[in-house]
Amino acid sequence: MSAEKLKSRTFRLKVWGENACFTRPEMKVERVSYDVITPSAARGILEAILWKPAIRWQITRIDVLKPIRWTSVRRNEVGAVMSPRANGLFVEEQRQQRAGLFLRDVAYIIHAFFEMTAQAGDDDNLRKFEEMFLRRSEKGQCFHRPYFGCREFAANFEPLSGRIEDLKPIDESRDLGFMLYDMDHSGEEPMPLWFRAKIQNGSVNVPLFNSTEVRR
């Protein structure tokens, strides 16, 4: 089967929410968000709606629908992970107060397609998963509630079809610098992947996973 036949149609999913934090990994103490949603966070939203070993999502473009606004918050976080051998975790002893610079009132259109993987079975095909994704997204079904970077920042979603002239990206262009693209799990240890992100007329074009624009 040709590579083109292993590629689904392009889907457009509108996502929005009150707050978001797509944390910059170079910030060690405070949580500081990227200016827009990262490709890995966008993929996570799609996988919350439909994930199967037989498919892999590829983000192609992100439209920014609302002006980029910020809010500064101080919040309590637990500074430890409970060990399986431990009897419990005393939260008051591990509580840490951290400052965060988050996004507020966000909305995006995620453009994406999926590819069939080597784990696809004989009964798996593009149409089956295309219809499954459309059905689940139209009904608001998901394996877990999708979120914008942090689980407390829930993401609403709806699929888009037909003409969407009323959903125009913001009239802005800027260079966002290097942004986290995703994590590569093909080796013994997960490795971060990066790309040079730019907002051009309100949209961020996302390179393909195996593109030379994606760097290790």
N, C-alpha and C. Protein backbone atom coordinates (compact mmCIF):
# COMPACT_ATOMS: atom_id res chain seq x y z
N MET A 1 0.85 -1.19 0.00
CA MET A 1 0.00 0.00 0.00
C MET A 1 0.88 1.24 0.00
N SER A 2 0.55 2.24 -0.81
CA SER A 2 1.37 3.45 -0.90
C SER A 2 1.24 4.28 0.35
N ALA A 3 2.25 5.17 0.55
CA ALA A 3 2.23 6.02 1.73
C ALA A 3 1.01 6.92 1.72
N GLU A 4 0.59 7.39 0.54
CA GLU A 4 -0.56 8.28 0.45
C GLU A 4 -1.83 7.59 0.92
N LYS A 5 -1.96 6.30 0.65
CA LYS A 5 -3.15 5.57 1.06
C LYS A 5 -3.16 5.30 2.57
N LEU A 6 -2.00 5.43 3.21
CA LEU A 6 -1.92 5.22 4.64
C LEU A 6 -2.20 6.49 5.42
N LYS A 7 -2.51 7.57 4.71
CA LYS A 7 -2.72 8.87 5.32
C LYS A 7 -4.20 9.24 5.27
N SER A 8 -4.73 9.69 6.40
CA SER A 8 -6.15 10.04 6.47
C SER A 8 -6.40 11.41 5.86
N ARG A 9 -7.65 11.77 5.80
CA ARG A 9 -8.02 13.13 5.42
C ARG A 9 -7.55 14.08 6.53
N THR A 10 -7.54 15.38 6.24
CA THR A 10 -7.16 16.35 7.26
C THR A 10 -8.40 16.76 8.06
N PHE A 11 -8.28 16.69 9.37
CA PHE A 11 -9.36 17.09 10.26
C PHE A 11 -9.07 18.48 10.82
N ARG A 12 -10.13 19.19 11.16
CA ARG A 12 -10.00 20.49 11.82
C ARG A 12 -10.81 20.44 13.11
N LEU A 13 -10.14 20.67 14.20
CA LEU A 13 -10.79 20.59 15.51
C LEU A 13 -10.62 21.94 16.22
N LYS A 14 -11.74 22.55 16.57
CA LYS A 14 -11.67 23.78 17.36
C LYS A 14 -11.57 23.40 18.83
N VAL A 15 -10.62 24.03 19.54
CA VAL A 15 -10.44 23.79 20.96
C VAL A 15 -10.37 25.13 21.67
N TRP A 16 -10.91 25.21 22.87
CA TRP A 16 -10.88 26.47 23.60
C TRP A 16 -11.01 26.21 25.09
N GLY A 17 -10.60 27.22 25.87
CA GLY A 17 -10.68 27.09 27.31
C GLY A 17 -10.31 28.38 28.01
N GLU A 18 -10.48 28.38 29.34
CA GLU A 18 -10.25 29.60 30.12
C GLU A 18 -8.76 29.87 30.35
N ASN A 19 -7.98 28.82 30.56
CA ASN A 19 -6.55 28.99 30.84
C ASN A 19 -5.74 27.90 30.17
N ALA A 20 -4.44 28.14 30.03
CA ALA A 20 -3.56 27.16 29.42
C ALA A 20 -2.14 27.40 29.90
N CYS A 21 -1.36 26.34 29.96
CA CYS A 21 0.05 26.47 30.29
C CYS A 21 0.83 25.38 29.55
N PHE A 22 1.49 25.79 28.47
CA PHE A 22 2.33 24.88 27.69
C PHE A 22 3.77 25.16 28.11
N THR A 23 4.19 24.50 29.18
CA THR A 23 5.38 24.88 29.93
C THR A 23 6.66 24.81 29.11
N ARG A 24 7.43 25.87 29.20
CA ARG A 24 8.77 25.89 28.60
C ARG A 24 9.69 25.01 29.44
N PRO A 25 10.31 23.98 28.85
CA PRO A 25 11.14 23.06 29.65
C PRO A 25 12.37 23.72 30.26
N GLU A 26 12.82 24.86 29.71
CA GLU A 26 14.01 25.49 30.27
C GLU A 26 13.72 26.21 31.58
N MET A 27 12.44 26.39 31.92
CA MET A 27 12.08 27.03 33.18
C MET A 27 12.00 25.95 34.26
N LYS A 28 12.95 25.99 35.19
CA LYS A 28 13.09 24.90 36.16
C LYS A 28 12.18 25.05 37.38
N VAL A 29 11.93 26.28 37.80
CA VAL A 29 11.17 26.49 39.03
C VAL A 29 9.77 26.98 38.72
N GLU A 30 9.66 28.11 38.06
CA GLU A 30 8.36 28.66 37.75
C GLU A 30 7.81 28.06 36.46
N ARG A 31 6.51 27.95 36.39
CA ARG A 31 5.86 27.47 35.16
C ARG A 31 5.59 28.68 34.26
N VAL A 32 6.22 28.70 33.12
CA VAL A 32 6.01 29.77 32.15
C VAL A 32 5.59 29.14 30.83
N SER A 33 4.48 29.58 30.28
CA SER A 33 3.92 28.96 29.09
C SER A 33 4.56 29.52 27.82
N TYR A 34 4.59 28.69 26.78
CA TYR A 34 4.84 29.19 25.44
C TYR A 34 3.67 30.11 25.06
N ASP A 35 3.88 30.90 24.02
CA ASP A 35 2.84 31.84 23.58
C ASP A 35 1.61 31.14 23.01
N VAL A 36 1.80 29.96 22.44
CA VAL A 36 0.69 29.22 21.83
C VAL A 36 0.83 27.74 22.18
N ILE A 37 -0.19 26.99 21.86
CA ILE A 37 -0.18 25.55 22.11
C ILE A 37 0.93 24.87 21.31
N THR A 38 1.61 23.91 21.91
CA THR A 38 2.67 23.17 21.24
C THR A 38 2.08 22.01 20.42
N PRO A 39 2.81 21.53 19.41
CA PRO A 39 2.30 20.37 18.66
C PRO A 39 2.05 19.15 19.54
N SER A 40 2.91 18.93 20.53
CA SER A 40 2.71 17.76 21.40
C SER A 40 1.44 17.90 22.23
N ALA A 41 1.13 19.11 22.70
CA ALA A 41 -0.10 19.32 23.46
C ALA A 41 -1.32 19.16 22.55
N ALA A 42 -1.20 19.63 21.31
CA ALA A 42 -2.30 19.46 20.35
C ALA A 42 -2.53 17.98 20.05
N ARG A 43 -1.44 17.24 19.89
CA ARG A 43 -1.56 15.80 19.66
C ARG A 43 -2.23 15.12 20.85
N GLY A 44 -1.87 15.57 22.06
CA GLY A 44 -2.48 14.99 23.26
C GLY A 44 -3.98 15.17 23.30
N ILE A 45 -4.47 16.30 22.80
CA ILE A 45 -5.92 16.53 22.75
C ILE A 45 -6.59 15.56 21.78
N LEU A 46 -5.97 15.38 20.61
CA LEU A 46 -6.53 14.44 19.63
C LEU A 46 -6.52 13.02 20.17
N GLU A 47 -5.45 12.64 20.84
CA GLU A 47 -5.36 11.28 21.38
C GLU A 47 -6.34 11.07 22.53
N ALA A 48 -6.70 12.14 23.24
CA ALA A 48 -7.71 12.01 24.28
C ALA A 48 -9.06 11.64 23.68
N ILE A 49 -9.29 12.07 22.44
CA ILE A 49 -10.54 11.74 21.74
C ILE A 49 -10.44 10.37 21.08
N LEU A 50 -9.33 10.12 20.39
CA LEU A 50 -9.14 8.82 19.73
C LEU A 50 -7.66 8.47 19.70
N TRP A 51 -7.32 7.43 20.42
CA TRP A 51 -5.97 6.86 20.35
C TRP A 51 -6.09 5.36 20.16
N LYS A 52 -5.33 4.86 19.21
CA LYS A 52 -5.21 3.43 18.96
C LYS A 52 -3.78 3.14 18.53
N PRO A 53 -3.25 1.96 18.86
CA PRO A 53 -1.90 1.63 18.40
C PRO A 53 -1.76 1.65 16.88
N ALA A 54 -2.89 1.51 16.18
CA ALA A 54 -2.86 1.42 14.71
C ALA A 54 -2.68 2.77 14.02
N ILE A 55 -2.82 3.89 14.78
CA ILE A 55 -2.72 5.20 14.14
C ILE A 55 -1.75 6.11 14.89
N ARG A 56 -1.20 7.09 14.16
CA ARG A 56 -0.35 8.11 14.76
C ARG A 56 -0.76 9.47 14.21
N TRP A 57 -1.06 10.41 15.10
CA TRP A 57 -1.50 11.74 14.69
C TRP A 57 -0.33 12.61 14.28
N GLN A 58 -0.57 13.45 13.26
CA GLN A 58 0.42 14.42 12.78
C GLN A 58 -0.27 15.79 12.69
N ILE A 59 0.21 16.74 13.48
CA ILE A 59 -0.31 18.11 13.43
C ILE A 59 0.33 18.82 12.24
N THR A 60 -0.46 19.56 11.46
CA THR A 60 0.08 20.28 10.31
C THR A 60 0.00 21.80 10.47
N ARG A 61 -1.00 22.28 11.20
CA ARG A 61 -1.16 23.72 11.36
C ARG A 61 -2.00 24.02 12.60
N ILE A 62 -1.69 25.15 13.22
CA ILE A 62 -2.47 25.61 14.38
C ILE A 62 -2.88 27.05 14.12
N ASP A 63 -4.17 27.31 14.10
CA ASP A 63 -4.68 28.67 13.95
C ASP A 63 -4.96 29.25 15.33
N VAL A 64 -4.44 30.43 15.59
CA VAL A 64 -4.66 31.12 16.87
C VAL A 64 -5.87 32.04 16.69
N LEU A 65 -6.96 31.76 17.39
CA LEU A 65 -8.21 32.47 17.17
C LEU A 65 -8.40 33.68 18.07
N LYS A 66 -7.69 33.72 19.20
CA LYS A 66 -7.86 34.84 20.13
C LYS A 66 -6.51 35.48 20.44
N PRO A 67 -6.52 36.78 20.72
CA PRO A 67 -5.27 37.47 21.06
C PRO A 67 -4.55 36.78 22.22
N ILE A 68 -3.24 36.80 22.18
CA ILE A 68 -2.44 36.14 23.22
C ILE A 68 -2.44 37.00 24.48
N ARG A 69 -3.06 36.49 25.52
CA ARG A 69 -3.17 37.21 26.80
C ARG A 69 -2.58 36.36 27.92
N TRP A 70 -2.08 37.04 28.94
CA TRP A 70 -1.38 36.35 30.02
C TRP A 70 -2.03 36.63 31.37
N THR A 71 -1.80 35.73 32.30
CA THR A 71 -2.20 35.93 33.67
C THR A 71 -1.13 35.31 34.58
N SER A 72 -0.83 35.97 35.67
CA SER A 72 0.18 35.49 36.61
C SER A 72 -0.52 34.94 37.84
N VAL A 73 -0.15 33.73 38.23
CA VAL A 73 -0.83 33.04 39.33
C VAL A 73 0.21 32.39 40.24
N ARG A 74 -0.04 32.44 41.53
CA ARG A 74 0.74 31.66 42.49
C ARG A 74 -0.15 30.53 42.97
N ARG A 75 0.38 29.31 42.97
CA ARG A 75 -0.44 28.17 43.36
C ARG A 75 0.41 27.16 44.10
N ASN A 76 -0.27 26.29 44.84
CA ASN A 76 0.41 25.24 45.59
C ASN A 76 0.55 23.99 44.74
N GLU A 77 1.75 23.40 44.78
CA GLU A 77 2.01 22.14 44.09
C GLU A 77 2.70 21.19 45.06
N VAL A 78 2.55 19.90 44.81
CA VAL A 78 3.24 18.88 45.60
C VAL A 78 4.59 18.62 44.96
N GLY A 79 5.66 18.77 45.75
CA GLY A 79 7.01 18.67 45.21
C GLY A 79 7.61 17.29 45.25
N ALA A 80 6.79 16.23 45.31
CA ALA A 80 7.31 14.86 45.36
C ALA A 80 6.31 13.92 44.70
N VAL A 81 6.82 12.78 44.26
CA VAL A 81 5.98 11.73 43.69
C VAL A 81 5.97 10.57 44.66
N MET A 82 4.80 10.06 44.95
CA MET A 82 4.69 8.99 45.92
C MET A 82 5.28 7.70 45.37
N SER A 83 6.13 7.07 46.14
CA SER A 83 6.74 5.80 45.76
C SER A 83 5.75 4.67 45.95
N PRO A 84 5.81 3.64 45.08
CA PRO A 84 4.92 2.48 45.26
C PRO A 84 5.15 1.77 46.59
N ARG A 85 6.36 1.93 47.16
CA ARG A 85 6.70 1.26 48.42
C ARG A 85 6.25 2.07 49.64
N ALA A 86 5.93 3.34 49.41
CA ALA A 86 5.56 4.20 50.53
C ALA A 86 4.14 3.91 50.99
N ASN A 87 3.90 4.18 52.27
CA ASN A 87 2.57 3.99 52.82
C ASN A 87 1.64 5.14 52.46
N GLY A 88 2.22 6.25 52.07
CA GLY A 88 1.42 7.41 51.72
C GLY A 88 2.31 8.62 51.52
N LEU A 89 1.68 9.74 51.29
CA LEU A 89 2.40 10.99 51.07
C LEU A 89 1.73 12.07 51.90
N PHE A 90 2.50 12.67 52.81
CA PHE A 90 1.96 13.73 53.63
C PHE A 90 2.08 15.04 52.87
N VAL A 91 0.96 15.48 52.33
CA VAL A 91 0.95 16.60 51.40
C VAL A 91 1.51 17.87 52.03
N GLU A 92 1.17 18.12 53.30
CA GLU A 92 1.59 19.37 53.93
C GLU A 92 3.11 19.51 54.00
N GLU A 93 3.83 18.39 54.09
CA GLU A 93 5.29 18.43 54.16
C GLU A 93 5.90 18.63 52.78
N GLN A 94 5.18 18.30 51.73
CA GLN A 94 5.72 18.39 50.37
C GLN A 94 5.13 19.55 49.57
N ARG A 95 4.31 20.35 50.21
CA ARG A 95 3.65 21.45 49.49
C ARG A 95 4.66 22.54 49.14
N GLN A 96 4.61 23.01 47.90
CA GLN A 96 5.46 24.10 47.43
C GLN A 96 4.60 25.14 46.73
N GLN A 97 4.91 26.40 46.98
CA GLN A 97 4.19 27.46 46.30
C GLN A 97 5.03 27.95 45.13
N ARG A 98 4.45 27.91 43.94
CA ARG A 98 5.17 28.32 42.74
C ARG A 98 4.37 29.37 41.97
N ALA A 99 5.13 30.26 41.36
CA ALA A 99 4.51 31.26 40.50
C ALA A 99 4.39 30.69 39.09
N GLY A 100 3.37 31.12 38.38
CA GLY A 100 3.17 30.65 37.01
C GLY A 100 2.70 31.78 36.13
N LEU A 101 3.19 31.79 34.90
CA LEU A 101 2.73 32.74 33.90
C LEU A 101 1.96 31.95 32.86
N PHE A 102 0.64 32.05 32.89
CA PHE A 102 -0.23 31.23 32.08
C PHE A 102 -0.92 32.06 31.01
N LEU A 103 -1.46 31.36 30.02
CA LEU A 103 -2.30 31.99 29.01
C LEU A 103 -3.75 32.00 29.50
N ARG A 104 -4.51 32.99 29.09
CA ARG A 104 -5.93 33.02 29.47
C ARG A 104 -6.81 33.25 28.24
N ASP A 105 -7.98 32.66 28.31
CA ASP A 105 -8.99 32.79 27.25
C ASP A 105 -8.39 32.41 25.89
N VAL A 106 -8.09 31.12 25.73
CA VAL A 106 -7.44 30.64 24.51
C VAL A 106 -8.42 29.92 23.60
N ALA A 107 -8.13 29.94 22.31
CA ALA A 107 -8.92 29.20 21.32
C ALA A 107 -8.05 28.97 20.10
N TYR A 108 -8.10 27.75 19.59
CA TYR A 108 -7.28 27.36 18.44
C TYR A 108 -8.08 26.47 17.51
N ILE A 109 -7.63 26.41 16.26
CA ILE A 109 -8.08 25.35 15.35
C ILE A 109 -6.87 24.47 15.08
N ILE A 110 -6.99 23.20 15.40
CA ILE A 110 -5.92 22.22 15.15
C ILE A 110 -6.20 21.53 13.82
N HIS A 111 -5.25 21.61 12.90
CA HIS A 111 -5.34 20.90 11.62
C HIS A 111 -4.44 19.68 11.74
N ALA A 112 -4.96 18.50 11.45
CA ALA A 112 -4.16 17.29 11.65
C ALA A 112 -4.72 16.13 10.81
N PHE A 113 -3.85 15.17 10.55
CA PHE A 113 -4.26 13.91 9.94
C PHE A 113 -3.59 12.79 10.72
N PHE A 114 -4.00 11.57 10.49
CA PHE A 114 -3.31 10.45 11.12
C PHE A 114 -2.80 9.48 10.05
N GLU A 115 -1.78 8.75 10.42
CA GLU A 115 -1.19 7.73 9.55
C GLU A 115 -1.37 6.37 10.20
N MET A 116 -1.50 5.36 9.39
CA MET A 116 -1.55 3.99 9.90
C MET A 116 -0.13 3.57 10.29
N THR A 117 -0.02 2.84 11.37
CA THR A 117 1.28 2.39 11.86
C THR A 117 1.48 0.90 11.55
N ALA A 118 2.66 0.43 11.88
CA ALA A 118 2.99 -0.97 11.66
C ALA A 118 2.17 -1.89 12.56
N GLN A 119 1.51 -1.34 13.57
CA GLN A 119 0.71 -2.15 14.49
C GLN A 119 -0.73 -2.32 14.02
N ALA A 120 -1.06 -1.77 12.85
CA ALA A 120 -2.41 -1.91 12.32
C ALA A 120 -2.69 -3.37 11.96
N GLY A 121 -3.86 -3.85 12.33
CA GLY A 121 -4.24 -5.22 12.03
C GLY A 121 -4.94 -5.34 10.69
N ASP A 122 -5.31 -6.53 10.35
CA ASP A 122 -5.96 -6.78 9.06
C ASP A 122 -7.32 -6.09 8.96
N ASP A 123 -7.98 -5.89 10.08
CA ASP A 123 -9.30 -5.27 10.08
C ASP A 123 -9.23 -3.74 10.22
N ASP A 124 -8.03 -3.20 10.36
CA ASP A 124 -7.88 -1.76 10.53
C ASP A 124 -7.75 -1.08 9.18
N ASN A 125 -8.42 0.05 9.02
CA ASN A 125 -8.33 0.81 7.78
C ASN A 125 -8.62 2.28 8.07
N LEU A 126 -8.27 3.14 7.13
CA LEU A 126 -8.43 4.58 7.33
C LEU A 126 -9.87 4.97 7.60
N ARG A 127 -10.78 4.48 6.79
CA ARG A 127 -12.18 4.89 6.92
C ARG A 127 -12.74 4.54 8.28
N LYS A 128 -12.37 3.40 8.78
CA LYS A 128 -12.85 2.96 10.10
C LYS A 128 -12.48 3.98 11.17
N PHE A 129 -11.23 4.43 11.17
CA PHE A 129 -10.77 5.35 12.20
C PHE A 129 -11.22 6.79 11.92
N GLU A 130 -11.36 7.15 10.65
CA GLU A 130 -11.90 8.48 10.32
C GLU A 130 -13.32 8.62 10.87
N GLU A 131 -14.15 7.64 10.61
CA GLU A 131 -15.54 7.69 11.09
C GLU A 131 -15.59 7.63 12.61
N MET A 132 -14.68 6.87 13.20
CA MET A 132 -14.65 6.76 14.65
C MET A 132 -14.30 8.10 15.28
N PHE A 133 -13.30 8.80 14.71
CA PHE A 133 -12.90 10.09 15.27
C PHE A 133 -14.02 11.11 15.12
N LEU A 134 -14.64 11.16 13.94
CA LEU A 134 -15.73 12.12 13.72
C LEU A 134 -16.89 11.84 14.67
N ARG A 135 -17.24 10.60 14.84
CA ARG A 135 -18.36 10.25 15.71
C ARG A 135 -18.07 10.64 17.16
N ARG A 136 -16.88 10.32 17.61
CA ARG A 136 -16.53 10.61 19.00
C ARG A 136 -16.42 12.12 19.25
N SER A 137 -15.80 12.84 18.32
CA SER A 137 -15.62 14.28 18.52
C SER A 137 -16.95 15.02 18.43
N GLU A 138 -17.84 14.59 17.56
CA GLU A 138 -19.15 15.24 17.44
C GLU A 138 -20.00 15.01 18.69
N LYS A 139 -19.84 13.86 19.32
CA LYS A 139 -20.61 13.56 20.52
C LYS A 139 -19.92 14.03 21.80
N GLY A 140 -18.71 14.59 21.67
CA GLY A 140 -17.97 15.04 22.85
C GLY A 140 -17.38 13.91 23.65
N GLN A 141 -17.19 12.75 23.01
CA GLN A 141 -16.64 11.59 23.72
C GLN A 141 -15.11 11.66 23.76
N CYS A 142 -14.54 11.21 24.86
CA CYS A 142 -13.08 11.17 24.99
C CYS A 142 -12.69 10.14 26.04
N PHE A 143 -11.47 9.62 25.91
CA PHE A 143 -10.97 8.63 26.87
C PHE A 143 -10.71 9.30 28.21
N HIS A 144 -10.25 10.53 28.18
CA HIS A 144 -10.11 11.36 29.36
C HIS A 144 -10.29 12.81 28.93
N ARG A 145 -10.63 13.68 29.84
CA ARG A 145 -10.89 15.08 29.47
C ARG A 145 -9.60 15.71 28.95
N PRO A 146 -9.59 16.19 27.71
CA PRO A 146 -8.39 16.84 27.19
C PRO A 146 -8.10 18.14 27.94
N TYR A 147 -6.84 18.53 27.96
CA TYR A 147 -6.46 19.70 28.74
C TYR A 147 -5.35 20.48 28.03
N PHE A 148 -5.19 21.73 28.46
CA PHE A 148 -4.21 22.63 27.88
C PHE A 148 -2.96 22.67 28.76
N GLY A 149 -2.13 21.65 28.63
CA GLY A 149 -0.85 21.64 29.33
C GLY A 149 -0.90 21.13 30.74
N CYS A 150 -1.84 21.58 31.55
CA CYS A 150 -2.04 21.13 32.93
C CYS A 150 -3.45 20.57 33.06
N ARG A 151 -3.60 19.52 33.82
CA ARG A 151 -4.89 18.83 33.87
C ARG A 151 -6.03 19.71 34.39
N GLU A 152 -5.69 20.72 35.21
CA GLU A 152 -6.77 21.57 35.71
C GLU A 152 -7.27 22.56 34.66
N PHE A 153 -6.55 22.68 33.53
CA PHE A 153 -6.97 23.59 32.46
C PHE A 153 -7.68 22.80 31.37
N ALA A 154 -8.94 22.52 31.60
CA ALA A 154 -9.72 21.67 30.69
C ALA A 154 -9.89 22.34 29.34
N ALA A 155 -9.90 21.51 28.29
CA ALA A 155 -10.08 21.98 26.92
C ALA A 155 -11.43 21.51 26.38
N ASN A 156 -12.22 22.44 25.87
CA ASN A 156 -13.44 22.10 25.15
C ASN A 156 -13.09 21.86 23.69
N PHE A 157 -13.90 21.08 22.99
CA PHE A 157 -13.57 20.79 21.60
C PHE A 157 -14.83 20.52 20.78
N GLU A 158 -14.69 20.80 19.48
CA GLU A 158 -15.73 20.47 18.52
C GLU A 158 -15.11 20.36 17.13
N PRO A 159 -15.53 19.39 16.33
CA PRO A 159 -14.99 19.27 14.97
C PRO A 159 -15.57 20.34 14.06
N LEU A 160 -14.82 20.75 13.07
CA LEU A 160 -15.27 21.75 12.11
C LEU A 160 -15.38 21.11 10.74
N SER A 161 -16.42 21.49 10.03
CA SER A 161 -16.61 21.01 8.66
C SER A 161 -17.22 22.14 7.84
N GLY A 162 -16.98 22.11 6.56
CA GLY A 162 -17.54 23.14 5.70
C GLY A 162 -16.78 24.45 5.81
N ARG A 163 -17.44 25.54 5.55
CA ARG A 163 -16.82 26.86 5.53
C ARG A 163 -16.70 27.41 6.96
N ILE A 164 -15.56 28.04 7.22
CA ILE A 164 -15.32 28.56 8.58
C ILE A 164 -14.82 30.00 8.52
N GLU A 165 -15.39 30.80 7.63
CA GLU A 165 -14.93 32.17 7.47
C GLU A 165 -15.07 32.99 8.74
N ASP A 166 -16.02 32.64 9.60
CA ASP A 166 -16.22 33.41 10.83
C ASP A 166 -15.17 33.09 11.88
N LEU A 167 -14.37 32.06 11.66
CA LEU A 167 -13.31 31.70 12.60
C LEU A 167 -11.96 32.11 12.00
N LYS A 168 -11.68 33.39 12.08
CA LYS A 168 -10.46 33.91 11.47
C LYS A 168 -9.33 33.96 12.49
N PRO A 169 -8.12 33.54 12.09
CA PRO A 169 -6.97 33.67 13.00
C PRO A 169 -6.69 35.14 13.30
N ILE A 170 -5.97 35.39 14.36
CA ILE A 170 -5.62 36.75 14.74
C ILE A 170 -4.73 37.37 13.66
N ASP A 171 -4.80 38.67 13.54
CA ASP A 171 -3.99 39.39 12.56
C ASP A 171 -2.64 39.72 13.18
N GLU A 172 -1.79 38.72 13.25
CA GLU A 172 -0.49 38.91 13.90
C GLU A 172 0.54 37.93 13.34
N SER A 173 1.78 38.40 13.26
CA SER A 173 2.90 37.55 12.86
C SER A 173 4.05 37.83 13.82
N ARG A 174 4.70 36.77 14.28
CA ARG A 174 5.86 36.94 15.16
C ARG A 174 6.67 35.66 15.19
N ASP A 175 7.95 35.81 15.46
CA ASP A 175 8.85 34.66 15.60
C ASP A 175 8.81 34.22 17.06
N LEU A 176 8.47 32.97 17.29
CA LEU A 176 8.35 32.44 18.64
C LEU A 176 9.63 31.76 19.12
N GLY A 177 10.64 31.69 18.24
CA GLY A 177 11.87 31.00 18.61
C GLY A 177 11.70 29.49 18.58
N PHE A 178 12.64 28.78 19.19
CA PHE A 178 12.56 27.32 19.20
C PHE A 178 11.53 26.87 20.22
N MET A 179 10.67 25.96 19.78
CA MET A 179 9.58 25.43 20.59
C MET A 179 9.69 23.91 20.66
N LEU A 180 9.26 23.37 21.78
CA LEU A 180 9.20 21.91 21.91
C LEU A 180 8.22 21.36 20.89
N TYR A 181 8.69 20.43 20.07
CA TYR A 181 7.85 19.81 19.04
C TYR A 181 7.14 18.59 19.61
N ASP A 182 7.93 17.67 20.16
CA ASP A 182 7.38 16.45 20.73
C ASP A 182 8.53 15.68 21.38
N MET A 183 8.22 14.49 21.88
CA MET A 183 9.24 13.61 22.44
C MET A 183 9.41 12.40 21.52
N ASP A 184 10.66 12.07 21.25
CA ASP A 184 10.98 10.91 20.42
C ASP A 184 11.24 9.72 21.35
N HIS A 185 10.38 8.70 21.25
CA HIS A 185 10.49 7.53 22.12
C HIS A 185 11.10 6.33 21.40
N SER A 186 11.75 6.57 20.27
CA SER A 186 12.29 5.45 19.49
C SER A 186 13.56 4.85 20.08
N GLY A 187 14.26 5.60 20.92
CA GLY A 187 15.50 5.11 21.52
C GLY A 187 15.28 4.59 22.93
N GLU A 188 16.39 4.35 23.63
CA GLU A 188 16.30 3.85 25.00
C GLU A 188 15.74 4.90 25.95
N GLU A 189 16.07 6.16 25.69
CA GLU A 189 15.58 7.25 26.51
C GLU A 189 14.79 8.24 25.65
N PRO A 190 13.69 8.79 26.16
CA PRO A 190 12.94 9.79 25.40
C PRO A 190 13.81 11.02 25.13
N MET A 191 13.77 11.52 23.91
CA MET A 191 14.56 12.67 23.52
C MET A 191 13.64 13.79 23.02
N PRO A 192 13.86 15.03 23.50
CA PRO A 192 13.02 16.14 23.02
C PRO A 192 13.34 16.52 21.59
N LEU A 193 12.32 16.89 20.84
CA LEU A 193 12.46 17.38 19.48
C LEU A 193 12.02 18.84 19.46
N TRP A 194 12.67 19.65 18.61
CA TRP A 194 12.42 21.09 18.59
C TRP A 194 12.17 21.56 17.15
N PHE A 195 11.49 22.70 17.03
CA PHE A 195 11.36 23.32 15.72
C PHE A 195 11.25 24.82 15.90
N ARG A 196 11.55 25.58 14.86
CA ARG A 196 11.47 27.04 14.92
C ARG A 196 10.03 27.45 14.62
N ALA A 197 9.34 27.91 15.64
CA ALA A 197 7.93 28.24 15.52
C ALA A 197 7.74 29.71 15.15
N LYS A 198 6.82 29.94 14.24
CA LYS A 198 6.49 31.31 13.82
C LYS A 198 4.99 31.44 13.64
N ILE A 199 4.44 32.54 14.14
CA ILE A 199 3.06 32.86 13.83
C ILE A 199 3.08 33.71 12.57
N GLN A 200 2.42 33.24 11.54
CA GLN A 200 2.33 33.98 10.28
C GLN A 200 0.85 34.21 9.97
N ASN A 201 0.45 35.47 10.07
CA ASN A 201 -0.95 35.83 9.87
C ASN A 201 -1.89 35.00 10.76
N GLY A 202 -1.45 34.80 11.98
CA GLY A 202 -2.29 34.11 12.95
C GLY A 202 -2.20 32.60 12.97
N SER A 203 -1.34 32.02 12.12
CA SER A 203 -1.24 30.56 12.05
C SER A 203 0.20 30.10 12.25
N VAL A 204 0.35 28.94 12.86
CA VAL A 204 1.66 28.30 13.04
C VAL A 204 1.69 27.05 12.17
N ASN A 205 2.56 27.03 11.17
CA ASN A 205 2.73 25.83 10.35
C ASN A 205 3.65 24.86 11.06
N VAL A 206 3.23 23.61 11.15
CA VAL A 206 3.97 22.59 11.90
C VAL A 206 4.61 21.61 10.91
N PRO A 207 5.93 21.43 10.96
CA PRO A 207 6.58 20.49 10.03
C PRO A 207 6.23 19.05 10.37
N LEU A 208 6.44 18.17 9.39
CA LEU A 208 6.22 16.75 9.61
C LEU A 208 7.27 16.19 10.56
N PHE A 209 6.93 15.09 11.20
CA PHE A 209 7.79 14.48 12.21
C PHE A 209 9.19 14.18 11.68
N ASN A 210 9.28 13.69 10.43
CA ASN A 210 10.57 13.31 9.86
C ASN A 210 11.19 14.42 9.02
N SER A 211 10.69 15.66 9.16
CA SER A 211 11.21 16.78 8.40
C SER A 211 12.57 17.23 8.93
N THR A 212 13.38 17.83 8.05
CA THR A 212 14.67 18.39 8.47
C THR A 212 14.48 19.61 9.36
N GLU A 213 13.27 20.17 9.38
CA GLU A 213 12.99 21.32 10.24
C GLU A 213 12.86 20.92 11.72
N VAL A 214 12.67 19.63 11.96
CA VAL A 214 12.57 19.12 13.33
C VAL A 214 13.96 18.72 13.79
N ARG A 215 14.40 19.29 14.89
CA ARG A 215 15.78 19.08 15.36
C ARG A 215 15.81 18.38 16.71
N ARG A 216 16.92 17.66 16.89
CA ARG A 216 17.14 16.96 18.15
C ARG A 216 18.14 17.72 19.00
